[in-house]
Amino acid sequence: MNFKETHPRISLNTGKDLSSATNPEIHYEKPDGTTGEWAAVMSGQNVEYQIKDTDLDQSGRWTFQAAVAFGSSVQKGTIITVVINNPIKTT
């Protein structure tokens, strides 16, 4: 379960040896179609990003994809889809 304004860590397993990779990023598409990328870190075969307060600013379907550079070639991983919900407000 994922909620807006929470701080999960995105960890995308590439299934590849990233020891010679550079420039790790998480590419995203928001529910409204806006695209962008976050600078990430590599950990083993994973590309990871810690969500910040303002990152998940829309509820709905988000897509994420790892991207790293091997020399001048950018390699991208499998696209994953996550639904981000608004938390239920109680009175």
C-alpha atoms as a PDB file:
ATOM      1  CA  MET A   1       0.000   0.000   0.000  1.00  0.00           C
ATOM      2  CA  ASN A   2       1.405   3.409  -0.942  1.00  0.00           C
ATOM      3  CA  PHE A   3       0.113   6.810   0.109  1.00  0.00           C
ATOM      4  CA  LYS A   4       0.790  10.350  -1.034  1.00  0.00           C
ATOM      5  CA  GLU A   5       3.068  12.322   1.270  1.00  0.00           C
ATOM      6  CA  THR A   6       4.778   9.218   2.637  1.00  0.00           C
ATOM      7  CA  HIS A   7       8.467   8.392   2.286  1.00  0.00           C
ATOM      8  CA  PRO A   8       8.949   4.892   0.905  1.00  0.00           C
ATOM      9  CA  ARG A   9      12.232   3.893  -0.697  1.00  0.00           C
ATOM     10  CA  ILE A  10      11.993   2.851  -4.333  1.00  0.00           C
ATOM     11  CA  SER A  11      14.334  -0.060  -5.028  1.00  0.00           C
ATOM     12  CA  LEU A  12      14.351  -1.445  -8.576  1.00  0.00           C
ATOM     13  CA  ASN A  13      16.275  -4.670  -9.173  1.00  0.00           C
ATOM     14  CA  THR A  14      17.985  -4.542 -12.557  1.00  0.00           C
ATOM     15  CA  GLY A  15      19.253  -8.114 -12.503  1.00  0.00           C
ATOM     16  CA  LYS A  16      22.585  -6.780 -13.824  1.00  0.00           C
ATOM     17  CA  ASP A  17      26.069  -6.189 -12.463  1.00  0.00           C
ATOM     18  CA  LEU A  18      26.139  -2.421 -11.916  1.00  0.00           C
ATOM     19  CA  SER A  19      29.753  -2.208 -10.726  1.00  0.00           C
ATOM     20  CA  SER A  20      30.831  -0.331 -13.885  1.00  0.00           C
ATOM     21  CA  ALA A  21      27.602   1.686 -14.256  1.00  0.00           C
ATOM     22  CA  THR A  22      27.308   5.422 -13.636  1.00  0.00           C
ATOM     23  CA  ASN A  23      24.572   8.045 -13.415  1.00  0.00           C
ATOM     24  CA  PRO A  24      21.827   5.975 -11.750  1.00  0.00           C
ATOM     25  CA  GLU A  25      18.355   7.454 -12.077  1.00  0.00           C
ATOM     26  CA  ILE A  26      14.751   6.495 -11.471  1.00  0.00           C
ATOM     27  CA  HIS A  27      12.581   7.708 -14.353  1.00  0.00           C
ATOM     28  CA  TYR A  28       8.923   8.283 -13.561  1.00  0.00           C
ATOM     29  CA  GLU A  29       5.606   9.160 -15.140  1.00  0.00           C
ATOM     30  CA  LYS A  30       2.933  10.744 -12.937  1.00  0.00           C
ATOM     31  CA  PRO A  31      -0.799  10.039 -13.300  1.00  0.00           C
ATOM     32  CA  ASP A  32      -1.246  13.269 -15.314  1.00  0.00           C
ATOM     33  CA  GLY A  33       1.445  12.201 -17.822  1.00  0.00           C
ATOM     34  CA  THR A  34       4.220  14.457 -16.492  1.00  0.00           C
ATOM     35  CA  THR A  35       7.609  12.727 -16.731  1.00  0.00           C
ATOM     36  CA  GLY A  36      10.893  13.278 -14.944  1.00  0.00           C
ATOM     37  CA  GLU A  37      13.770  11.584 -13.173  1.00  0.00           C
ATOM     38  CA  TRP A  38      15.333  11.421  -9.744  1.00  0.00           C
ATOM     39  CA  ALA A  39      19.063  11.007  -9.143  1.00  0.00           C
ATOM     40  CA  ALA A  40      19.432   7.624  -7.457  1.00  0.00           C
ATOM     41  CA  VAL A  41      22.060   5.386  -5.884  1.00  0.00           C
ATOM     42  CA  MET A  42      23.176   1.867  -6.760  1.00  0.00           C
ATOM     43  CA  SER A  43      23.194  -0.952  -4.238  1.00  0.00           C
ATOM     44  CA  GLY A  44      24.210  -4.334  -5.644  1.00  0.00           C
ATOM     45  CA  GLN A  45      21.914  -4.898  -8.628  1.00  0.00           C
ATOM     46  CA  ASN A  46      19.409  -2.310  -7.414  1.00  0.00           C
ATOM     47  CA  VAL A  47      18.837   1.325  -8.329  1.00  0.00           C
ATOM     48  CA  GLU A  48      17.327   3.068  -5.292  1.00  0.00           C
ATOM     49  CA  TYR A  49      15.756   6.399  -4.410  1.00  0.00           C
ATOM     50  CA  GLN A  50      14.399   7.689  -1.094  1.00  0.00           C
ATOM     51  CA  ILE A  51      11.100   9.514  -1.700  1.00  0.00           C
ATOM     52  CA  LYS A  52      10.989  13.102  -0.408  1.00  0.00           C
ATOM     53  CA  ASP A  53       8.010  15.051   0.970  1.00  0.00           C
ATOM     54  CA  THR A  54       6.954  16.602  -2.326  1.00  0.00           C
ATOM     55  CA  ASP A  55       7.781  13.754  -4.742  1.00  0.00           C
ATOM     56  CA  LEU A  56       4.509  11.789  -4.679  1.00  0.00           C
ATOM     57  CA  ASP A  57       2.282  14.797  -5.250  1.00  0.00           C
ATOM     58  CA  GLN A  58      -0.510  13.078  -7.198  1.00  0.00           C
ATOM     59  CA  SER A  59      -2.682  10.108  -6.429  1.00  0.00           C
ATOM     60  CA  GLY A  60      -3.204   7.511  -9.131  1.00  0.00           C
ATOM     61  CA  ARG A  61      -1.060   5.290 -11.355  1.00  0.00           C
ATOM     62  CA  TRP A  62       2.688   6.050 -11.391  1.00  0.00           C
ATOM     63  CA  THR A  63       5.277   4.238 -13.499  1.00  0.00           C
ATOM     64  CA  PHE A  64       8.942   3.866 -12.545  1.00  0.00           C
ATOM     65  CA  GLN A  65      11.984   2.654 -14.484  1.00  0.00           C
ATOM     66  CA  ALA A  66      15.640   2.307 -13.496  1.00  0.00           C
ATOM     67  CA  ALA A  67      18.224   3.862 -15.806  1.00  0.00           C
ATOM     68  CA  VAL A  68      22.032   3.664 -15.637  1.00  0.00           C
ATOM     69  CA  ALA A  69      24.863   4.500 -18.002  1.00  0.00           C
ATOM     70  CA  PHE A  70      27.481   2.024 -19.190  1.00  0.00           C
ATOM     71  CA  GLY A  71      29.942   4.315 -20.945  1.00  0.00           C
ATOM     72  CA  SER A  72      27.904   6.361 -23.422  1.00  0.00           C
ATOM     73  CA  SER A  73      25.037   3.848 -23.526  1.00  0.00           C
ATOM     74  CA  VAL A  74      22.024   4.341 -21.231  1.00  0.00           C
ATOM     75  CA  GLN A  75      20.392   1.061 -20.196  1.00  0.00           C
ATOM     76  CA  LYS A  76      16.839   1.017 -18.827  1.00  0.00           C
ATOM     77  CA  GLY A  77      15.132  -1.620 -16.728  1.00  0.00           C
ATOM     78  CA  THR A  78      11.619  -3.018 -16.677  1.00  0.00           C
ATOM     79  CA  ILE A  79       8.832  -0.491 -16.160  1.00  0.00           C
ATOM     80  CA  ILE A  80       6.838  -1.021 -12.981  1.00  0.00           C
ATOM     81  CA  THR A  81       3.460   0.477 -12.104  1.00  0.00           C
ATOM     82  CA  VAL A  82       2.382   1.535  -8.618  1.00  0.00           C
ATOM     83  CA  VAL A  83      -0.926   3.065  -7.516  1.00  0.00           C
ATOM     84  CA  ILE A  84      -0.526   5.926  -5.040  1.00  0.00           C
ATOM     85  CA  ASN A  85      -3.563   6.674  -2.871  1.00  0.00           C
ATOM     86  CA  ASN A  86      -4.627   9.649  -0.790  1.00  0.00           C
ATOM     87  CA  PRO A  87      -4.693   8.698   2.898  1.00  0.00           C
ATOM     88  CA  ILE A  88      -8.160   8.538   4.458  1.00  0.00           C
ATOM     89  CA  LYS A  89      -8.744  11.649   6.545  1.00  0.00           C
ATOM     90  CA  THR A  90     -10.487  11.080   9.854  1.00  0.00           C
ATOM     91  CA  THR A  91     -12.235  13.676  11.962  1.00  0.00           C
END
